[in-house]
Amino acid sequence: MEVPGNKIITMSLFSELRRRNVLKVALLYLVAALLILWIVDRAVSASVFPWR
């Protein structure tokens, strides 16, 4: 059971998020977080930190 007009609301939501560059910024934050995690993992596994 679908509500008539639900697709229009969903499409306008995504278009509004795109217009405000929310999706691009979220992707940028995701890439930055993964890069930081990768660098920390490499540093810890290379025994750069003394507690390892």
PDB file of N, CA and C in Angstrom:
ATOM      1  N   MET A   1       0.824  -1.167   0.000  1.00  0.00           N
ATOM      2  CA  MET A   1       0.000   0.000   0.000  1.00  0.00           C
ATOM      3  C   MET A   1       0.881   1.248   0.000  1.00  0.00           C
ATOM      4  N   GLU A   2       0.782   2.025  -1.045  1.00  0.00           N
ATOM      5  CA  GLU A   2       1.555   3.254  -1.127  1.00  0.00           C
ATOM      6  C   GLU A   2       0.643   4.460  -1.024  1.00  0.00           C
ATOM      7  N   VAL A   3       1.156   5.460  -0.422  1.00  0.00           N
ATOM      8  CA  VAL A   3       0.416   6.709  -0.316  1.00  0.00           C
ATOM      9  C   VAL A   3       0.615   7.484  -1.610  1.00  0.00           C
ATOM     10  N   PRO A   4      -0.454   7.924  -2.239  1.00  0.00           N
ATOM     11  CA  PRO A   4      -0.288   8.715  -3.464  1.00  0.00           C
ATOM     12  C   PRO A   4       0.510   9.989  -3.179  1.00  0.00           C
ATOM     13  N   GLY A   5       1.483  10.253  -4.013  1.00  0.00           N
ATOM     14  CA  GLY A   5       2.304  11.445  -3.826  1.00  0.00           C
ATOM     15  C   GLY A   5       3.531  11.214  -2.979  1.00  0.00           C
ATOM     16  N   ASN A   6       3.707  10.012  -2.426  1.00  0.00           N
ATOM     17  CA  ASN A   6       4.864   9.715  -1.594  1.00  0.00           C
ATOM     18  C   ASN A   6       6.150   9.802  -2.412  1.00  0.00           C
ATOM     19  N   LYS A   7       6.102   9.378  -3.661  1.00  0.00           N
ATOM     20  CA  LYS A   7       7.286   9.432  -4.517  1.00  0.00           C
ATOM     21  C   LYS A   7       7.698  10.868  -4.776  1.00  0.00           C
ATOM     22  N   ILE A   8       6.745  11.758  -4.893  1.00  0.00           N
ATOM     23  CA  ILE A   8       7.045  13.175  -5.124  1.00  0.00           C
ATOM     24  C   ILE A   8       7.752  13.769  -3.916  1.00  0.00           C
ATOM     25  N   ILE A   9       7.305  13.425  -2.720  1.00  0.00           N
ATOM     26  CA  ILE A   9       7.935  13.929  -1.499  1.00  0.00           C
ATOM     27  C   ILE A   9       9.364  13.413  -1.403  1.00  0.00           C
ATOM     28  N   THR A  10       9.586  12.131  -1.704  1.00  0.00           N
ATOM     29  CA  THR A  10      10.915  11.551  -1.643  1.00  0.00           C
ATOM     30  C   THR A  10      11.834  12.204  -2.665  1.00  0.00           C
ATOM     31  N   MET A  11      11.356  12.405  -3.875  1.00  0.00           N
ATOM     32  CA  MET A  11      12.178  13.020  -4.907  1.00  0.00           C
ATOM     33  C   MET A  11      12.514  14.463  -4.542  1.00  0.00           C
ATOM     34  N   SER A  12      11.559  15.183  -3.970  1.00  0.00           N
ATOM     35  CA  SER A  12      11.854  16.565  -3.610  1.00  0.00           C
ATOM     36  C   SER A  12      12.839  16.625  -2.443  1.00  0.00           C
ATOM     37  N   LEU A  13      12.794  15.647  -1.557  1.00  0.00           N
ATOM     38  CA  LEU A  13      13.752  15.602  -0.453  1.00  0.00           C
ATOM     39  C   LEU A  13      15.165  15.415  -0.991  1.00  0.00           C
ATOM     40  N   PHE A  14      15.347  14.439  -1.892  1.00  0.00           N
ATOM     41  CA  PHE A  14      16.677  14.218  -2.456  1.00  0.00           C
ATOM     42  C   PHE A  14      17.142  15.399  -3.288  1.00  0.00           C
ATOM     43  N   SER A  15      16.239  16.017  -4.008  1.00  0.00           N
ATOM     44  CA  SER A  15      16.650  17.181  -4.797  1.00  0.00           C
ATOM     45  C   SER A  15      17.036  18.341  -3.886  1.00  0.00           C
ATOM     46  N   GLU A  16      16.356  18.492  -2.774  1.00  0.00           N
ATOM     47  CA  GLU A  16      16.712  19.547  -1.820  1.00  0.00           C
ATOM     48  C   GLU A  16      18.057  19.260  -1.166  1.00  0.00           C
ATOM     49  N   LEU A  17      18.305  17.996  -0.823  1.00  0.00           N
ATOM     50  CA  LEU A  17      19.603  17.641  -0.248  1.00  0.00           C
ATOM     51  C   LEU A  17      20.726  17.881  -1.252  1.00  0.00           C
ATOM     52  N   ARG A  18      20.469  17.553  -2.508  1.00  0.00           N
ATOM     53  CA  ARG A  18      21.456  17.812  -3.555  1.00  0.00           C
ATOM     54  C   ARG A  18      21.686  19.305  -3.745  1.00  0.00           C
ATOM     55  N   ARG A  19      20.619  20.066  -3.693  1.00  0.00           N
ATOM     56  CA  ARG A  19      20.728  21.517  -3.877  1.00  0.00           C
ATOM     57  C   ARG A  19      21.566  22.157  -2.772  1.00  0.00           C
ATOM     58  N   ARG A  20      21.443  21.647  -1.575  1.00  0.00           N
ATOM     59  CA  ARG A  20      22.187  22.189  -0.435  1.00  0.00           C
ATOM     60  C   ARG A  20      23.553  21.532  -0.263  1.00  0.00           C
ATOM     61  N   ASN A  21      23.949  20.658  -1.165  1.00  0.00           N
ATOM     62  CA  ASN A  21      25.239  19.963  -1.143  1.00  0.00           C
ATOM     63  C   ASN A  21      25.426  19.089   0.101  1.00  0.00           C
ATOM     64  N   VAL A  22      24.327  18.633   0.682  1.00  0.00           N
ATOM     65  CA  VAL A  22      24.407  17.782   1.867  1.00  0.00           C
ATOM     66  C   VAL A  22      25.048  16.435   1.516  1.00  0.00           C
ATOM     67  N   LEU A  23      24.683  15.886   0.371  1.00  0.00           N
ATOM     68  CA  LEU A  23      25.220  14.583  -0.017  1.00  0.00           C
ATOM     69  C   LEU A  23      26.718  14.655  -0.279  1.00  0.00           C
ATOM     70  N   LYS A  24      27.179  15.719  -0.905  1.00  0.00           N
ATOM     71  CA  LYS A  24      28.613  15.877  -1.166  1.00  0.00           C
ATOM     72  C   LYS A  24      29.405  16.019   0.127  1.00  0.00           C
ATOM     73  N   VAL A  25      28.883  16.793   1.053  1.00  0.00           N
ATOM     74  CA  VAL A  25      29.569  16.989   2.331  1.00  0.00           C
ATOM     75  C   VAL A  25      29.581  15.694   3.134  1.00  0.00           C
ATOM     76  N   ALA A  26      28.482  14.954   3.120  1.00  0.00           N
ATOM     77  CA  ALA A  26      28.433  13.669   3.831  1.00  0.00           C
ATOM     78  C   ALA A  26      29.445  12.698   3.244  1.00  0.00           C
ATOM     79  N   LEU A  27      29.562  12.673   1.928  1.00  0.00           N
ATOM     80  CA  LEU A  27      30.548  11.812   1.287  1.00  0.00           C
ATOM     81  C   LEU A  27      31.960  12.250   1.651  1.00  0.00           C
ATOM     82  N   LEU A  28      32.205  13.546   1.705  1.00  0.00           N
ATOM     83  CA  LEU A  28      33.513  14.064   2.091  1.00  0.00           C
ATOM     84  C   LEU A  28      33.869  13.661   3.515  1.00  0.00           C
ATOM     85  N   TYR A  29      32.911  13.759   4.440  1.00  0.00           N
ATOM     86  CA  TYR A  29      33.140  13.336   5.823  1.00  0.00           C
ATOM     87  C   TYR A  29      33.428  11.835   5.894  1.00  0.00           C
ATOM     88  N   LEU A  30      32.726  11.045   5.119  1.00  0.00           N
ATOM     89  CA  LEU A  30      32.943   9.599   5.113  1.00  0.00           C
ATOM     90  C   LEU A  30      34.347   9.259   4.621  1.00  0.00           C
ATOM     91  N   VAL A  31      34.759   9.881   3.534  1.00  0.00           N
ATOM     92  CA  VAL A  31      36.099   9.634   2.991  1.00  0.00           C
ATOM     93  C   VAL A  31      37.165  10.088   3.982  1.00  0.00           C
ATOM     94  N   ALA A  32      36.975  11.236   4.610  1.00  0.00           N
ATOM     95  CA  ALA A  32      37.945  11.735   5.588  1.00  0.00           C
ATOM     96  C   ALA A  32      38.044  10.799   6.791  1.00  0.00           C
ATOM     97  N   ALA A  33      36.908  10.296   7.263  1.00  0.00           N
ATOM     98  CA  ALA A  33      36.915   9.372   8.407  1.00  0.00           C
ATOM     99  C   ALA A  33      37.632   8.077   8.060  1.00  0.00           C
ATOM    100  N   LEU A  34      37.369   7.549   6.854  1.00  0.00           N
ATOM    101  CA  LEU A  34      38.049   6.321   6.442  1.00  0.00           C
ATOM    102  C   LEU A  34      39.552   6.540   6.291  1.00  0.00           C
ATOM    103  N   LEU A  35      39.943   7.695   5.782  1.00  0.00           N
ATOM    104  CA  LEU A  35      41.359   8.010   5.635  1.00  0.00           C
ATOM    105  C   LEU A  35      42.041   8.117   6.994  1.00  0.00           C
ATOM    106  N   ILE A  36      41.394   8.756   7.943  1.00  0.00           N
ATOM    107  CA  ILE A  36      41.957   8.862   9.294  1.00  0.00           C
ATOM    108  C   ILE A  36      42.081   7.491   9.931  1.00  0.00           C
ATOM    109  N   LEU A  37      41.053   6.660   9.798  1.00  0.00           N
ATOM    110  CA  LEU A  37      41.120   5.305  10.355  1.00  0.00           C
ATOM    111  C   LEU A  37      42.240   4.496   9.707  1.00  0.00           C
ATOM    112  N   TRP A  38      42.426   4.652   8.395  1.00  0.00           N
ATOM    113  CA  TRP A  38      43.473   3.917   7.695  1.00  0.00           C
ATOM    114  C   TRP A  38      44.849   4.364   8.181  1.00  0.00           C
ATOM    115  N   ILE A  39      45.045   5.669   8.356  1.00  0.00           N
ATOM    116  CA  ILE A  39      46.338   6.185   8.821  1.00  0.00           C
ATOM    117  C   ILE A  39      46.629   5.712  10.235  1.00  0.00           C
ATOM    118  N   VAL A  40      45.641   5.766  11.115  1.00  0.00           N
ATOM    119  CA  VAL A  40      45.840   5.314  12.499  1.00  0.00           C
ATOM    120  C   VAL A  40      46.137   3.823  12.531  1.00  0.00           C
ATOM    121  N   ASP A  41      45.440   3.035  11.734  1.00  0.00           N
ATOM    122  CA  ASP A  41      45.686   1.602  11.681  1.00  0.00           C
ATOM    123  C   ASP A  41      47.103   1.308  11.216  1.00  0.00           C
ATOM    124  N   ARG A  42      47.552   2.018  10.180  1.00  0.00           N
ATOM    125  CA  ARG A  42      48.919   1.815   9.676  1.00  0.00           C
ATOM    126  C   ARG A  42      49.943   2.228  10.727  1.00  0.00           C
ATOM    127  N   ALA A  43      49.701   3.330  11.433  1.00  0.00           N
ATOM    128  CA  ALA A  43      50.647   3.814  12.435  1.00  0.00           C
ATOM    129  C   ALA A  43      50.729   2.844  13.609  1.00  0.00           C
ATOM    130  N   VAL A  44      49.605   2.322  14.044  1.00  0.00           N
ATOM    131  CA  VAL A  44      49.602   1.391  15.180  1.00  0.00           C
ATOM    132  C   VAL A  44      50.236   0.063  14.779  1.00  0.00           C
ATOM    133  N   SER A  45      49.926  -0.421  13.590  1.00  0.00           N
ATOM    134  CA  SER A  45      50.492  -1.703  13.167  1.00  0.00           C
ATOM    135  C   SER A  45      51.987  -1.583  12.858  1.00  0.00           C
ATOM    136  N   ALA A  46      52.476  -0.389  12.580  1.00  0.00           N
ATOM    137  CA  ALA A  46      53.897  -0.194  12.314  1.00  0.00           C
ATOM    138  C   ALA A  46      54.650   0.088  13.611  1.00  0.00           C
ATOM    139  N   SER A  47      53.984   0.010  14.740  1.00  0.00           N
ATOM    140  CA  SER A  47      54.568   0.233  16.059  1.00  0.00           C
ATOM    141  C   SER A  47      55.168   1.626  16.213  1.00  0.00           C
ATOM    142  N   VAL A  48      54.488   2.596  15.693  1.00  0.00           N
ATOM    143  CA  VAL A  48      54.924   3.982  15.847  1.00  0.00           C
ATOM    144  C   VAL A  48      54.638   4.435  17.276  1.00  0.00           C
ATOM    145  N   PHE A  49      53.575   3.926  17.849  1.00  0.00           N
ATOM    146  CA  PHE A  49      53.206   4.307  19.200  1.00  0.00           C
ATOM    147  C   PHE A  49      53.794   3.307  20.193  1.00  0.00           C
ATOM    148  N   PRO A  50      54.286   3.797  21.337  1.00  0.00           N
ATOM    149  CA  PRO A  50      54.975   2.916  22.294  1.00  0.00           C
ATOM    150  C   PRO A  50      54.061   1.929  23.018  1.00  0.00           C
ATOM    151  N   TRP A  51      52.760   2.166  23.076  1.00  0.00           N
ATOM    152  CA  TRP A  51      51.882   1.263  23.822  1.00  0.00           C
ATOM    153  C   TRP A  51      51.507   0.036  23.027  1.00  0.00           C
ATOM    154  N   ARG A  52      51.949  -0.096  21.810  1.00  0.00           N
ATOM    155  CA  ARG A  52      51.636  -1.270  20.995  1.00  0.00           C
ATOM    156  C   ARG A  52      52.628  -2.369  21.288  1.00  0.00           C
TER     157      ARG A  52
END
